[in-house]
Amino acid sequence: MRRHVPGYAVRGRFVQARDVIFQELLPMRLKSRVSAKGDRTNNAHCVQEMSVFFACLKKNEFVEKHCGPELAAFQKCITTHEAAQKLKSDVARRGELIPGEKSLSHHQISSLLKKYPG
């Protein structure tokens, strides 16, 4: 049998001479706020209405006057989405919690952390 020498790789794993001892460099507690790095949202909205409008344009050889209802439906979808996003961002910026909301913004999480410190 081979002897496992510390400091060498054996079967793809590095063998250490002793266990690693955990040293706490910073206090292990949460900060009172979070960053906004993960708040990027998916900007793909009204794709169905846009594809119907483009199909109408293609069918009518890109004459826009024949595709009035499709264009109106697409513009209505855009305006309702923008209004909903503005309302949601205003509520999130104030830090108010929405009942039943599945994901929280960084403003809402920060307000919760300030309200209930660790």
C-alpha atoms as a PDB file:
ATOM      1  CA  MET A   1       0.000   0.000   0.000  1.00  0.00           C
ATOM      2  CA  ARG A   2       1.040   3.550  -0.683  1.00  0.00           C
ATOM      3  CA  ARG A   3       1.383   5.939   2.091  1.00  0.00           C
ATOM      4  CA  HIS A   4      -0.368   9.331   1.741  1.00  0.00           C
ATOM      5  CA  VAL A   5       2.209  12.067   2.084  1.00  0.00           C
ATOM      6  CA  PRO A   6       0.816  15.450   3.196  1.00  0.00           C
ATOM      7  CA  GLY A   7       1.035  18.169   0.561  1.00  0.00           C
ATOM      8  CA  TYR A   8       0.572  15.974  -2.510  1.00  0.00           C
ATOM      9  CA  ALA A   9      -2.388  15.122  -4.680  1.00  0.00           C
ATOM     10  CA  VAL A  10      -3.775  11.624  -4.239  1.00  0.00           C
ATOM     11  CA  ARG A  11      -6.544  10.513  -6.611  1.00  0.00           C
ATOM     12  CA  GLY A  12      -7.291  14.096  -7.574  1.00  0.00           C
ATOM     13  CA  ARG A  13      -7.551  15.340  -3.993  1.00  0.00           C
ATOM     14  CA  PHE A  14      -5.014  17.393  -2.121  1.00  0.00           C
ATOM     15  CA  VAL A  15      -3.927  15.796   1.160  1.00  0.00           C
ATOM     16  CA  GLN A  16      -3.351  18.285   3.979  1.00  0.00           C
ATOM     17  CA  ALA A  17      -1.136  17.702   6.969  1.00  0.00           C
ATOM     18  CA  ARG A  18      -3.765  18.870   9.472  1.00  0.00           C
ATOM     19  CA  ASP A  19      -7.288  20.219   9.614  1.00  0.00           C
ATOM     20  CA  VAL A  20      -7.836  23.849   8.725  1.00  0.00           C
ATOM     21  CA  ILE A  21      -8.706  25.955  11.749  1.00  0.00           C
ATOM     22  CA  PHE A  22     -11.340  28.654  11.183  1.00  0.00           C
ATOM     23  CA  GLN A  23     -10.198  32.136  12.128  1.00  0.00           C
ATOM     24  CA  GLU A  24     -12.856  34.835  12.375  1.00  0.00           C
ATOM     25  CA  LEU A  25     -11.359  37.939  10.740  1.00  0.00           C
ATOM     26  CA  LEU A  26     -14.536  40.034  10.689  1.00  0.00           C
ATOM     27  CA  PRO A  27     -17.549  39.810  13.002  1.00  0.00           C
ATOM     28  CA  MET A  28     -20.059  37.264  11.698  1.00  0.00           C
ATOM     29  CA  ARG A  29     -23.229  39.307  11.466  1.00  0.00           C
ATOM     30  CA  LEU A  30     -25.327  40.837   8.724  1.00  0.00           C
ATOM     31  CA  LYS A  31     -24.915  44.427   7.649  1.00  0.00           C
ATOM     32  CA  SER A  32     -27.869  46.768   7.981  1.00  0.00           C
ATOM     33  CA  ARG A  33     -28.248  47.154   4.184  1.00  0.00           C
ATOM     34  CA  VAL A  34     -27.797  45.212   0.953  1.00  0.00           C
ATOM     35  CA  SER A  35     -26.481  46.302  -2.437  1.00  0.00           C
ATOM     36  CA  ALA A  36     -28.537  46.655  -5.587  1.00  0.00           C
ATOM     37  CA  LYS A  37     -26.352  44.410  -7.730  1.00  0.00           C
ATOM     38  CA  GLY A  38     -28.914  41.621  -8.094  1.00  0.00           C
ATOM     39  CA  ASP A  39     -31.928  43.781  -8.928  1.00  0.00           C
ATOM     40  CA  ARG A  40     -31.627  43.447 -12.668  1.00  0.00           C
ATOM     41  CA  THR A  41     -34.965  42.541 -14.204  1.00  0.00           C
ATOM     42  CA  ASN A  42     -35.833  40.856 -17.451  1.00  0.00           C
ATOM     43  CA  ASN A  43     -36.802  43.489 -20.007  1.00  0.00           C
ATOM     44  CA  ALA A  44     -38.664  41.092 -22.307  1.00  0.00           C
ATOM     45  CA  HIS A  45     -42.246  42.248 -22.111  1.00  0.00           C
ATOM     46  CA  CYS A  46     -45.051  42.477 -24.680  1.00  0.00           C
ATOM     47  CA  VAL A  47     -43.217  40.023 -26.929  1.00  0.00           C
ATOM     48  CA  GLN A  48     -46.452  38.378 -28.095  1.00  0.00           C
ATOM     49  CA  GLU A  49     -47.993  41.695 -29.186  1.00  0.00           C
ATOM     50  CA  MET A  50     -44.784  42.743 -30.912  1.00  0.00           C
ATOM     51  CA  SER A  51     -44.533  39.473 -32.849  1.00  0.00           C
ATOM     52  CA  VAL A  52     -48.179  39.776 -33.965  1.00  0.00           C
ATOM     53  CA  PHE A  53     -47.495  43.340 -35.137  1.00  0.00           C
ATOM     54  CA  PHE A  54     -44.380  42.270 -37.061  1.00  0.00           C
ATOM     55  CA  ALA A  55     -46.260  39.377 -38.652  1.00  0.00           C
ATOM     56  CA  CYS A  56     -48.935  41.819 -39.803  1.00  0.00           C
ATOM     57  CA  LEU A  57     -46.290  44.133 -41.225  1.00  0.00           C
ATOM     58  CA  LYS A  58     -44.666  41.273 -43.091  1.00  0.00           C
ATOM     59  CA  LYS A  59     -48.006  40.095 -44.462  1.00  0.00           C
ATOM     60  CA  ASN A  60     -48.893  43.600 -45.684  1.00  0.00           C
ATOM     61  CA  GLU A  61     -45.416  44.312 -47.101  1.00  0.00           C
ATOM     62  CA  PHE A  62     -44.502  46.722 -44.296  1.00  0.00           C
ATOM     63  CA  VAL A  63     -47.376  49.141 -44.876  1.00  0.00           C
ATOM     64  CA  GLU A  64     -48.189  50.354 -41.388  1.00  0.00           C
ATOM     65  CA  LYS A  65     -51.703  51.681 -42.095  1.00  0.00           C
ATOM     66  CA  HIS A  66     -53.077  48.117 -42.528  1.00  0.00           C
ATOM     67  CA  CYS A  67     -51.881  47.062 -39.051  1.00  0.00           C
ATOM     68  CA  GLY A  68     -53.670  49.637 -36.885  1.00  0.00           C
ATOM     69  CA  PRO A  69     -55.275  47.259 -34.325  1.00  0.00           C
ATOM     70  CA  GLU A  70     -52.046  45.289 -33.825  1.00  0.00           C
ATOM     71  CA  LEU A  71     -50.067  48.507 -33.306  1.00  0.00           C
ATOM     72  CA  ALA A  72     -52.679  49.801 -30.842  1.00  0.00           C
ATOM     73  CA  ALA A  73     -52.554  46.533 -28.884  1.00  0.00           C
ATOM     74  CA  PHE A  74     -48.750  46.677 -28.765  1.00  0.00           C
ATOM     75  CA  GLN A  75     -48.717  50.315 -27.591  1.00  0.00           C
ATOM     76  CA  LYS A  76     -51.381  49.570 -24.964  1.00  0.00           C
ATOM     77  CA  CYS A  77     -49.295  46.682 -23.642  1.00  0.00           C
ATOM     78  CA  ILE A  78     -46.210  48.906 -23.435  1.00  0.00           C
ATOM     79  CA  THR A  79     -48.033  51.686 -21.565  1.00  0.00           C
ATOM     80  CA  THR A  80     -49.652  49.305 -19.051  1.00  0.00           C
ATOM     81  CA  HIS A  81     -46.312  47.585 -18.429  1.00  0.00           C
ATOM     82  CA  GLU A  82     -44.507  50.893 -17.916  1.00  0.00           C
ATOM     83  CA  ALA A  83     -47.205  52.101 -15.497  1.00  0.00           C
ATOM     84  CA  ALA A  84     -47.013  48.851 -13.515  1.00  0.00           C
ATOM     85  CA  GLN A  85     -43.198  49.028 -13.381  1.00  0.00           C
ATOM     86  CA  LYS A  86     -43.307  52.670 -12.231  1.00  0.00           C
ATOM     87  CA  LEU A  87     -45.787  51.839  -9.471  1.00  0.00           C
ATOM     88  CA  LYS A  88     -43.743  48.841  -8.369  1.00  0.00           C
ATOM     89  CA  SER A  89     -40.482  50.806  -8.327  1.00  0.00           C
ATOM     90  CA  ASP A  90     -42.066  53.685  -6.368  1.00  0.00           C
ATOM     91  CA  VAL A  91     -43.388  51.295  -3.731  1.00  0.00           C
ATOM     92  CA  ALA A  92     -40.072  49.436  -3.582  1.00  0.00           C
ATOM     93  CA  ARG A  93     -38.068  52.669  -3.315  1.00  0.00           C
ATOM     94  CA  ARG A  94     -40.113  53.746  -0.301  1.00  0.00           C
ATOM     95  CA  GLY A  95     -39.353  50.369   1.277  1.00  0.00           C
ATOM     96  CA  GLU A  96     -42.990  49.371   1.657  1.00  0.00           C
ATOM     97  CA  LEU A  97     -43.740  45.678   1.644  1.00  0.00           C
ATOM     98  CA  ILE A  98     -46.350  44.308  -0.735  1.00  0.00           C
ATOM     99  CA  PRO A  99     -48.384  41.389   0.671  1.00  0.00           C
ATOM    100  CA  GLY A 100     -47.903  38.250  -1.401  1.00  0.00           C
ATOM    101  CA  GLU A 101     -44.861  39.564  -3.293  1.00  0.00           C
ATOM    102  CA  LYS A 102     -42.419  36.755  -4.055  1.00  0.00           C
ATOM    103  CA  SER A 103     -39.259  38.827  -4.508  1.00  0.00           C
ATOM    104  CA  LEU A 104     -38.149  41.900  -2.584  1.00  0.00           C
ATOM    105  CA  SER A 105     -36.100  44.816  -3.877  1.00  0.00           C
ATOM    106  CA  HIS A 106     -32.899  45.913  -2.178  1.00  0.00           C
ATOM    107  CA  HIS A 107     -34.728  48.907  -0.663  1.00  0.00           C
ATOM    108  CA  GLN A 108     -37.312  46.611   0.930  1.00  0.00           C
ATOM    109  CA  ILE A 109     -34.680  44.212   2.284  1.00  0.00           C
ATOM    110  CA  SER A 110     -32.665  47.127   3.692  1.00  0.00           C
ATOM    111  CA  SER A 111     -35.731  48.526   5.441  1.00  0.00           C
ATOM    112  CA  LEU A 112     -36.443  45.102   6.966  1.00  0.00           C
ATOM    113  CA  LEU A 113     -32.842  44.805   8.178  1.00  0.00           C
ATOM    114  CA  LYS A 114     -33.031  48.269   9.741  1.00  0.00           C
ATOM    115  CA  LYS A 115     -36.341  47.413  11.412  1.00  0.00           C
ATOM    116  CA  TYR A 116     -35.104  44.064  12.768  1.00  0.00           C
ATOM    117  CA  PRO A 117     -31.333  44.312  13.332  1.00  0.00           C
ATOM    118  CA  GLY A 118     -29.409  41.089  13.669  1.00  0.00           C
END
